[in-house]
Amino acid sequence: MDIAERFADNLVRQRQAAGLSQEELASRGDIHRTQISLIEGGKRMPRLDTLVKLAGALGIAPATLLDGISWEPTVTKHGRFKVSTPRD
C-alpha cells in the first residue's frame, strides 16, 4: 500500500462515517466530485488546501486523514514514506 492508497482509505472511511456521498462531500468542500473520485481511488493526492477543505467538510482534524502515514528519515540514504495498515 502506498500513501495515496492509505489516504484514500482514510478519506473513504471518514466520508462513510459521516454518511456523505462523494457529491455531498464535494459540495461541502467546494471541490469537484471528479476530484473526490480520483483521490478516493488512490489516483491523485490532494494539495494542502484540498486536504484542509476535505477535513473541514467532514468536521474532522486534517491529521485524521493522514492517519498511518509518516516519514522515516535516514542518515545514509534517502528517507521514505512509511504506511501502516488501516485500523478497522
PDB file of N, CA and C in Angstrom:
ATOM      1  N   MET A   1       0.859  -1.183   0.000  1.00  0.00           N
ATOM      2  CA  MET A   1       0.000   0.000   0.000  1.00  0.00           C
ATOM      3  C   MET A   1       0.897   1.236   0.000  1.00  0.00           C
ATOM      4  N   ASP A   2       0.587   2.191  -0.871  1.00  0.00           N
ATOM      5  CA  ASP A   2       1.364   3.426  -0.889  1.00  0.00           C
ATOM      6  C   ASP A   2       0.572   4.537  -0.178  1.00  0.00           C
ATOM      7  N   ILE A   3       1.142   5.735  -0.122  1.00  0.00           N
ATOM      8  CA  ILE A   3       0.493   6.808   0.647  1.00  0.00           C
ATOM      9  C   ILE A   3      -0.817   7.264   0.012  1.00  0.00           C
ATOM     10  N   ALA A   4      -0.896   7.250  -1.319  1.00  0.00           N
ATOM     11  CA  ALA A   4      -2.140   7.649  -1.976  1.00  0.00           C
ATOM     12  C   ALA A   4      -3.267   6.673  -1.625  1.00  0.00           C
ATOM     13  N   GLU A   5      -2.951   5.386  -1.585  1.00  0.00           N
ATOM     14  CA  GLU A   5      -3.955   4.376  -1.233  1.00  0.00           C
ATOM     15  C   GLU A   5      -4.368   4.498   0.235  1.00  0.00           C
ATOM     16  N   ARG A   6      -3.396   4.747   1.103  1.00  0.00           N
ATOM     17  CA  ARG A   6      -3.717   4.896   2.530  1.00  0.00           C
ATOM     18  C   ARG A   6      -4.573   6.130   2.763  1.00  0.00           C
ATOM     19  N   PHE A   7      -4.210   7.239   2.099  1.00  0.00           N
ATOM     20  CA  PHE A   7      -5.008   8.452   2.226  1.00  0.00           C
ATOM     21  C   PHE A   7      -6.428   8.186   1.722  1.00  0.00           C
ATOM     22  N   ALA A   8      -6.527   7.489   0.583  1.00  0.00           N
ATOM     23  CA  ALA A   8      -7.838   7.158   0.014  1.00  0.00           C
ATOM     24  C   ALA A   8      -8.673   6.354   1.007  1.00  0.00           C
ATOM     25  N   ASP A   9      -8.072   5.351   1.635  1.00  0.00           N
ATOM     26  CA  ASP A   9      -8.782   4.544   2.635  1.00  0.00           C
ATOM     27  C   ASP A   9      -9.286   5.411   3.786  1.00  0.00           C
ATOM     28  N   ASN A  10      -8.419   6.301   4.254  1.00  0.00           N
ATOM     29  CA  ASN A  10      -8.805   7.195   5.351  1.00  0.00           C
ATOM     30  C   ASN A  10      -9.985   8.080   4.950  1.00  0.00           C
ATOM     31  N   LEU A  11      -9.923   8.634   3.735  1.00  0.00           N
ATOM     32  CA  LEU A  11     -10.977   9.528   3.274  1.00  0.00           C
ATOM     33  C   LEU A  11     -12.298   8.783   3.111  1.00  0.00           C
ATOM     34  N   VAL A  12     -12.271   7.632   2.479  1.00  0.00           N
ATOM     35  CA  VAL A  12     -13.497   6.850   2.288  1.00  0.00           C
ATOM     36  C   VAL A  12     -14.110   6.495   3.638  1.00  0.00           C
ATOM     37  N   ARG A  13     -13.290   6.036   4.559  1.00  0.00           N
ATOM     38  CA  ARG A  13     -13.780   5.644   5.888  1.00  0.00           C
ATOM     39  C   ARG A  13     -14.443   6.836   6.597  1.00  0.00           C
ATOM     40  N   GLN A  14     -13.805   7.991   6.545  1.00  0.00           N
ATOM     41  CA  GLN A  14     -14.356   9.172   7.219  1.00  0.00           C
ATOM     42  C   GLN A  14     -15.615   9.688   6.516  1.00  0.00           C
ATOM     43  N   ARG A  15     -15.624   9.643   5.189  1.00  0.00           N
ATOM     44  CA  ARG A  15     -16.811  10.091   4.442  1.00  0.00           C
ATOM     45  C   ARG A  15     -18.006   9.187   4.755  1.00  0.00           C
ATOM     46  N   GLN A  16     -17.778   7.886   4.756  1.00  0.00           N
ATOM     47  CA  GLN A  16     -18.867   6.948   5.047  1.00  0.00           C
ATOM     48  C   GLN A  16     -19.347   7.090   6.485  1.00  0.00           C
ATOM     49  N   ALA A  17     -18.417   7.313   7.413  1.00  0.00           N
ATOM     50  CA  ALA A  17     -18.798   7.508   8.822  1.00  0.00           C
ATOM     51  C   ALA A  17     -19.667   8.753   8.982  1.00  0.00           C
ATOM     52  N   ALA A  18     -19.411   9.761   8.142  1.00  0.00           N
ATOM     53  CA  ALA A  18     -20.204  10.989   8.186  1.00  0.00           C
ATOM     54  C   ALA A  18     -21.529  10.840   7.434  1.00  0.00           C
ATOM     55  N   GLY A  19     -21.693   9.706   6.739  1.00  0.00           N
ATOM     56  CA  GLY A  19     -22.925   9.467   5.999  1.00  0.00           C
ATOM     57  C   GLY A  19     -23.078  10.331   4.766  1.00  0.00           C
ATOM     58  N   LEU A  20     -21.953  10.678   4.140  1.00  0.00           N
ATOM     59  CA  LEU A  20     -21.981  11.562   2.976  1.00  0.00           C
ATOM     60  C   LEU A  20     -21.659  10.808   1.687  1.00  0.00           C
ATOM     61  N   SER A  21     -22.271  11.206   0.609  1.00  0.00           N
ATOM     62  CA  SER A  21     -21.890  10.707  -0.717  1.00  0.00           C
ATOM     63  C   SER A  21     -20.693  11.523  -1.199  1.00  0.00           C
ATOM     64  N   GLN A  22     -20.054  11.064  -2.250  1.00  0.00           N
ATOM     65  CA  GLN A  22     -18.959  11.841  -2.840  1.00  0.00           C
ATOM     66  C   GLN A  22     -19.468  13.213  -3.271  1.00  0.00           C
ATOM     67  N   GLU A  23     -20.646  13.243  -3.829  1.00  0.00           N
ATOM     68  CA  GLU A  23     -21.243  14.507  -4.299  1.00  0.00           C
ATOM     69  C   GLU A  23     -21.463  15.479  -3.144  1.00  0.00           C
ATOM     70  N   GLU A  24     -21.984  14.960  -2.017  1.00  0.00           N
ATOM     71  CA  GLU A  24     -22.217  15.815  -0.848  1.00  0.00           C
ATOM     72  C   GLU A  24     -20.901  16.337  -0.275  1.00  0.00           C
ATOM     73  N   LEU A  25     -19.902  15.466  -0.207  1.00  0.00           N
ATOM     74  CA  LEU A  25     -18.592  15.899   0.288  1.00  0.00           C
ATOM     75  C   LEU A  25     -18.007  16.963  -0.623  1.00  0.00           C
ATOM     76  N   ALA A  26     -18.119  16.751  -1.918  1.00  0.00           N
ATOM     77  CA  ALA A  26     -17.599  17.721  -2.887  1.00  0.00           C
ATOM     78  C   ALA A  26     -18.280  19.076  -2.709  1.00  0.00           C
ATOM     79  N   SER A  27     -19.578  19.064  -2.546  1.00  0.00           N
ATOM     80  CA  SER A  27     -20.324  20.310  -2.365  1.00  0.00           C
ATOM     81  C   SER A  27     -19.912  21.030  -1.083  1.00  0.00           C
ATOM     82  N   ARG A  28     -19.830  20.290   0.006  1.00  0.00           N
ATOM     83  CA  ARG A  28     -19.440  20.891   1.293  1.00  0.00           C
ATOM     84  C   ARG A  28     -18.020  21.452   1.269  1.00  0.00           C
ATOM     85  N   GLY A  29     -17.139  20.777   0.523  1.00  0.00           N
ATOM     86  CA  GLY A  29     -15.744  21.197   0.488  1.00  0.00           C
ATOM     87  C   GLY A  29     -15.381  22.103  -0.676  1.00  0.00           C
ATOM     88  N   ASP A  30     -16.372  22.433  -1.520  1.00  0.00           N
ATOM     89  CA  ASP A  30     -16.121  23.254  -2.701  1.00  0.00           C
ATOM     90  C   ASP A  30     -15.013  22.637  -3.568  1.00  0.00           C
ATOM     91  N   ILE A  31     -15.168  21.324  -3.807  1.00  0.00           N
ATOM     92  CA  ILE A  31     -14.220  20.540  -4.602  1.00  0.00           C
ATOM     93  C   ILE A  31     -15.043  19.807  -5.653  1.00  0.00           C
ATOM     94  N   HIS A  32     -14.535  19.671  -6.854  1.00  0.00           N
ATOM     95  CA  HIS A  32     -15.268  18.960  -7.899  1.00  0.00           C
ATOM     96  C   HIS A  32     -15.393  17.482  -7.522  1.00  0.00           C
ATOM     97  N   ARG A  33     -16.571  16.898  -7.798  1.00  0.00           N
ATOM     98  CA  ARG A  33     -16.809  15.499  -7.456  1.00  0.00           C
ATOM     99  C   ARG A  33     -15.813  14.562  -8.131  1.00  0.00           C
ATOM    100  N   THR A  34     -15.385  14.905  -9.331  1.00  0.00           N
ATOM    101  CA  THR A  34     -14.390  14.088 -10.028  1.00  0.00           C
ATOM    102  C   THR A  34     -13.090  14.032  -9.239  1.00  0.00           C
ATOM    103  N   GLN A  35     -12.721  15.131  -8.627  1.00  0.00           N
ATOM    104  CA  GLN A  35     -11.510  15.185  -7.803  1.00  0.00           C
ATOM    105  C   GLN A  35     -11.640  14.241  -6.604  1.00  0.00           C
ATOM    106  N   ILE A  36     -12.824  14.243  -5.985  1.00  0.00           N
ATOM    107  CA  ILE A  36     -13.066  13.343  -4.856  1.00  0.00           C
ATOM    108  C   ILE A  36     -12.888  11.899  -5.312  1.00  0.00           C
ATOM    109  N   SER A  37     -13.458  11.575  -6.460  1.00  0.00           N
ATOM    110  CA  SER A  37     -13.369  10.215  -7.002  1.00  0.00           C
ATOM    111  C   SER A  37     -11.923   9.815  -7.266  1.00  0.00           C
ATOM    112  N   LEU A  38     -11.136  10.713  -7.833  1.00  0.00           N
ATOM    113  CA  LEU A  38      -9.728  10.416  -8.113  1.00  0.00           C
ATOM    114  C   LEU A  38      -8.933  10.212  -6.828  1.00  0.00           C
ATOM    115  N   ILE A  39      -9.197  11.038  -5.831  1.00  0.00           N
ATOM    116  CA  ILE A  39      -8.490  10.907  -4.553  1.00  0.00           C
ATOM    117  C   ILE A  39      -8.886   9.602  -3.866  1.00  0.00           C
ATOM    118  N   GLU A  40     -10.194   9.317  -3.822  1.00  0.00           N
ATOM    119  CA  GLU A  40     -10.650   8.083  -3.177  1.00  0.00           C
ATOM    120  C   GLU A  40     -10.198   6.842  -3.936  1.00  0.00           C
ATOM    121  N   GLY A  41      -9.924   6.981  -5.211  1.00  0.00           N
ATOM    122  CA  GLY A  41      -9.436   5.855  -5.998  1.00  0.00           C
ATOM    123  C   GLY A  41      -7.931   5.661  -5.894  1.00  0.00           C
ATOM    124  N   GLY A  42      -7.260   6.524  -5.120  1.00  0.00           N
ATOM    125  CA  GLY A  42      -5.814   6.429  -4.950  1.00  0.00           C
ATOM    126  C   GLY A  42      -5.037   6.876  -6.175  1.00  0.00           C
ATOM    127  N   LYS A  43      -5.699   7.577  -7.091  1.00  0.00           N
ATOM    128  CA  LYS A  43      -5.052   8.022  -8.322  1.00  0.00           C
ATOM    129  C   LYS A  43      -4.470   9.426  -8.217  1.00  0.00           C
ATOM    130  N   ARG A  44      -4.839  10.146  -7.185  1.00  0.00           N
ATOM    131  CA  ARG A  44      -4.359  11.515  -7.013  1.00  0.00           C
ATOM    132  C   ARG A  44      -4.237  11.837  -5.536  1.00  0.00           C
ATOM    133  N   MET A  45      -3.203  12.591  -5.202  1.00  0.00           N
ATOM    134  CA  MET A  45      -3.019  13.086  -3.834  1.00  0.00           C
ATOM    135  C   MET A  45      -3.501  14.534  -3.785  1.00  0.00           C
ATOM    136  N   PRO A  46      -4.196  14.906  -2.714  1.00  0.00           N
ATOM    137  CA  PRO A  46      -4.691  16.277  -2.635  1.00  0.00           C
ATOM    138  C   PRO A  46      -3.584  17.265  -2.271  1.00  0.00           C
ATOM    139  N   ARG A  47      -3.769  18.495  -2.734  1.00  0.00           N
ATOM    140  CA  ARG A  47      -2.893  19.583  -2.279  1.00  0.00           C
ATOM    141  C   ARG A  47      -3.275  19.915  -0.834  1.00  0.00           C
ATOM    142  N   LEU A  48      -2.438  20.689  -0.190  1.00  0.00           N
ATOM    143  CA  LEU A  48      -2.675  21.040   1.208  1.00  0.00           C
ATOM    144  C   LEU A  48      -4.017  21.748   1.387  1.00  0.00           C
ATOM    145  N   ASP A  49      -4.358  22.693   0.511  1.00  0.00           N
ATOM    146  CA  ASP A  49      -5.630  23.400   0.662  1.00  0.00           C
ATOM    147  C   ASP A  49      -6.817  22.451   0.484  1.00  0.00           C
ATOM    148  N   THR A  50      -6.688  21.463  -0.385  1.00  0.00           N
ATOM    149  CA  THR A  50      -7.749  20.476  -0.577  1.00  0.00           C
ATOM    150  C   THR A  50      -7.868  19.574   0.648  1.00  0.00           C
ATOM    151  N   LEU A  51      -6.752  19.202   1.240  1.00  0.00           N
ATOM    152  CA  LEU A  51      -6.768  18.409   2.474  1.00  0.00           C
ATOM    153  C   LEU A  51      -7.541  19.141   3.561  1.00  0.00           C
ATOM    154  N   VAL A  52      -7.283  20.429   3.714  1.00  0.00           N
ATOM    155  CA  VAL A  52      -7.962  21.224   4.742  1.00  0.00           C
ATOM    156  C   VAL A  52      -9.454  21.336   4.426  1.00  0.00           C
ATOM    157  N   LYS A  53      -9.796  21.521   3.150  1.00  0.00           N
ATOM    158  CA  LYS A  53     -11.207  21.585   2.754  1.00  0.00           C
ATOM    159  C   LYS A  53     -11.927  20.262   3.046  1.00  0.00           C
ATOM    160  N   LEU A  54     -11.288  19.149   2.702  1.00  0.00           N
ATOM    161  CA  LEU A  54     -11.888  17.838   2.949  1.00  0.00           C
ATOM    162  C   LEU A  54     -12.145  17.632   4.441  1.00  0.00           C
ATOM    163  N   ALA A  55     -11.146  17.928   5.251  1.00  0.00           N
ATOM    164  CA  ALA A  55     -11.293  17.762   6.694  1.00  0.00           C
ATOM    165  C   ALA A  55     -12.404  18.661   7.233  1.00  0.00           C
ATOM    166  N   GLY A  56     -12.430  19.913   6.796  1.00  0.00           N
ATOM    167  CA  GLY A  56     -13.476  20.828   7.241  1.00  0.00           C
ATOM    168  C   GLY A  56     -14.861  20.352   6.836  1.00  0.00           C
ATOM    169  N   ALA A  57     -14.984  19.847   5.618  1.00  0.00           N
ATOM    170  CA  ALA A  57     -16.271  19.347   5.126  1.00  0.00           C
ATOM    171  C   ALA A  57     -16.733  18.127   5.921  1.00  0.00           C
ATOM    172  N   LEU A  58     -15.775  17.362   6.427  1.00  0.00           N
ATOM    173  CA  LEU A  58     -16.090  16.169   7.224  1.00  0.00           C
ATOM    174  C   LEU A  58     -16.211  16.475   8.713  1.00  0.00           C
ATOM    175  N   GLY A  59     -15.810  17.681   9.125  1.00  0.00           N
ATOM    176  CA  GLY A  59     -15.861  18.051  10.536  1.00  0.00           C
ATOM    177  C   GLY A  59     -14.817  17.342  11.378  1.00  0.00           C
ATOM    178  N   ILE A  60     -13.647  17.086  10.765  1.00  0.00           N
ATOM    179  CA  ILE A  60     -12.560  16.401  11.478  1.00  0.00           C
ATOM    180  C   ILE A  60     -11.269  17.207  11.350  1.00  0.00           C
ATOM    181  N   ALA A  61     -10.278  16.859  12.142  1.00  0.00           N
ATOM    182  CA  ALA A  61      -8.962  17.490  12.037  1.00  0.00           C
ATOM    183  C   ALA A  61      -8.257  16.952  10.794  1.00  0.00           C
ATOM    184  N   PRO A  62      -7.518  17.792  10.067  1.00  0.00           N
ATOM    185  CA  PRO A  62      -6.782  17.315   8.896  1.00  0.00           C
ATOM    186  C   PRO A  62      -5.891  16.114   9.190  1.00  0.00           C
ATOM    187  N   ALA A  63      -5.318  16.062  10.379  1.00  0.00           N
ATOM    188  CA  ALA A  63      -4.434  14.948  10.747  1.00  0.00           C
ATOM    189  C   ALA A  63      -5.140  13.599  10.688  1.00  0.00           C
ATOM    190  N   THR A  64      -6.452  13.584  10.876  1.00  0.00           N
ATOM    191  CA  THR A  64      -7.209  12.338  10.825  1.00  0.00           C
ATOM    192  C   THR A  64      -7.090  11.685   9.449  1.00  0.00           C
ATOM    193  N   LEU A  65      -7.034  12.493   8.409  1.00  0.00           N
ATOM    194  CA  LEU A  65      -6.917  11.968   7.051  1.00  0.00           C
ATOM    195  C   LEU A  65      -5.502  11.473   6.751  1.00  0.00           C
ATOM    196  N   LEU A  66      -4.559  11.817   7.609  1.00  0.00           N
ATOM    197  CA  LEU A  66      -3.165  11.388   7.436  1.00  0.00           C
ATOM    198  C   LEU A  66      -2.799  10.234   8.361  1.00  0.00           C
ATOM    199  N   ASP A  67      -3.788   9.677   9.039  1.00  0.00           N
ATOM    200  CA  ASP A  67      -3.546   8.579   9.973  1.00  0.00           C
ATOM    201  C   ASP A  67      -2.812   7.430   9.275  1.00  0.00           C
ATOM    202  N   GLY A  68      -1.735   6.974   9.876  1.00  0.00           N
ATOM    203  CA  GLY A  68      -0.981   5.854   9.335  1.00  0.00           C
ATOM    204  C   GLY A  68       0.053   6.226   8.287  1.00  0.00           C
ATOM    205  N   ILE A  69       0.220   7.516   8.028  1.00  0.00           N
ATOM    206  CA  ILE A  69       1.202   7.972   7.040  1.00  0.00           C
ATOM    207  C   ILE A  69       2.271   8.776   7.779  1.00  0.00           C
ATOM    208  N   SER A  70       3.508   8.379   7.629  1.00  0.00           N
ATOM    209  CA  SER A  70       4.601   9.105   8.287  1.00  0.00           C
ATOM    210  C   SER A  70       5.839   9.063   7.398  1.00  0.00           C
ATOM    211  N   TRP A  71       6.848   9.806   7.786  1.00  0.00           N
ATOM    212  CA  TRP A  71       8.100   9.885   7.052  1.00  0.00           C
ATOM    213  C   TRP A  71       9.216   9.325   7.912  1.00  0.00           C
ATOM    214  N   GLU A  72      10.052   8.470   7.331  1.00  0.00           N
ATOM    215  CA  GLU A  72      11.197   7.904   8.035  1.00  0.00           C
ATOM    216  C   GLU A  72      12.475   8.507   7.469  1.00  0.00           C
ATOM    217  N   PRO A  73      13.092   9.440   8.181  1.00  0.00           N
ATOM    218  CA  PRO A  73      14.361   9.979   7.700  1.00  0.00           C
ATOM    219  C   PRO A  73      15.486   8.973   7.931  1.00  0.00           C
ATOM    220  N   THR A  74      16.492   9.038   7.096  1.00  0.00           N
ATOM    221  CA  THR A  74      17.663   8.190   7.288  1.00  0.00           C
ATOM    222  C   THR A  74      18.913   9.041   7.135  1.00  0.00           C
ATOM    223  N   VAL A  75      20.021   8.504   7.603  1.00  0.00           N
ATOM    224  CA  VAL A  75      21.277   9.233   7.559  1.00  0.00           C
ATOM    225  C   VAL A  75      22.072   8.900   6.302  1.00  0.00           C
ATOM    226  N   THR A  76      22.061   7.644   5.885  1.00  0.00           N
ATOM    227  CA  THR A  76      22.932   7.212   4.794  1.00  0.00           C
ATOM    228  C   THR A  76      22.261   7.118   3.431  1.00  0.00           C
ATOM    229  N   LYS A  77      20.935   7.237   3.390  1.00  0.00           N
ATOM    230  CA  LYS A  77      20.229   7.172   2.111  1.00  0.00           C
ATOM    231  C   LYS A  77      18.999   8.065   2.190  1.00  0.00           C
ATOM    232  N   HIS A  78      18.253   8.109   1.121  1.00  0.00           N
ATOM    233  CA  HIS A  78      17.046   8.930   1.110  1.00  0.00           C
ATOM    234  C   HIS A  78      16.010   8.364   2.064  1.00  0.00           C
ATOM    235  N   GLY A  79      15.230   9.265   2.666  1.00  0.00           N
ATOM    236  CA  GLY A  79      14.138   8.832   3.525  1.00  0.00           C
ATOM    237  C   GLY A  79      13.028   8.224   2.685  1.00  0.00           C
ATOM    238  N   ARG A  80      12.006   7.740   3.375  1.00  0.00           N
ATOM    239  CA  ARG A  80      10.877   7.143   2.660  1.00  0.00           C
ATOM    240  C   ARG A  80       9.615   7.311   3.477  1.00  0.00           C
ATOM    241  N   PHE A  81       8.472   7.245   2.780  1.00  0.00           N
ATOM    242  CA  PHE A  81       7.206   7.261   3.482  1.00  0.00           C
ATOM    243  C   PHE A  81       6.974   5.907   4.119  1.00  0.00           C
ATOM    244  N   LYS A  82       6.396   5.919   5.279  1.00  0.00           N
ATOM    245  CA  LYS A  82       6.034   4.694   5.975  1.00  0.00           C
ATOM    246  C   LYS A  82       4.499   4.690   6.073  1.00  0.00           C
ATOM    247  N   VAL A  83       3.900   3.610   5.600  1.00  0.00           N
ATOM    248  CA  VAL A  83       2.455   3.495   5.607  1.00  0.00           C
ATOM    249  C   VAL A  83       2.072   2.283   6.436  1.00  0.00           C
ATOM    250  N   SER A  84       1.282   2.508   7.469  1.00  0.00           N
ATOM    251  CA  SER A  84       0.824   1.389   8.279  1.00  0.00           C
ATOM    252  C   SER A  84      -0.541   0.935   7.786  1.00  0.00           C
ATOM    253  N   THR A  85      -0.924  -0.262   8.149  1.00  0.00           N
ATOM    254  CA  THR A  85      -2.204  -0.791   7.699  1.00  0.00           C
ATOM    255  C   THR A  85      -3.339  -0.064   8.399  1.00  0.00           C
ATOM    256  N   PRO A  86      -4.470   0.086   7.711  1.00  0.00           N
ATOM    257  CA  PRO A  86      -5.606   0.804   8.308  1.00  0.00           C
ATOM    258  C   PRO A  86      -6.164   0.086   9.521  1.00  0.00           C
ATOM    259  N   ARG A  87      -6.660   0.868  10.445  1.00  0.00           N
ATOM    260  CA  ARG A  87      -7.349   0.314  11.615  1.00  0.00           C
ATOM    261  C   ARG A  87      -8.836   0.257  11.288  1.00  0.00           C
ATOM    262  N   ASP A  88      -9.439  -0.876  11.521  1.00  0.00           N
ATOM    263  CA  ASP A  88     -10.883  -1.006  11.250  1.00  0.00           C
ATOM    264  C   ASP A  88     -11.707  -0.741  12.469  1.00  0.00           C
TER     265      ASP A  88
END
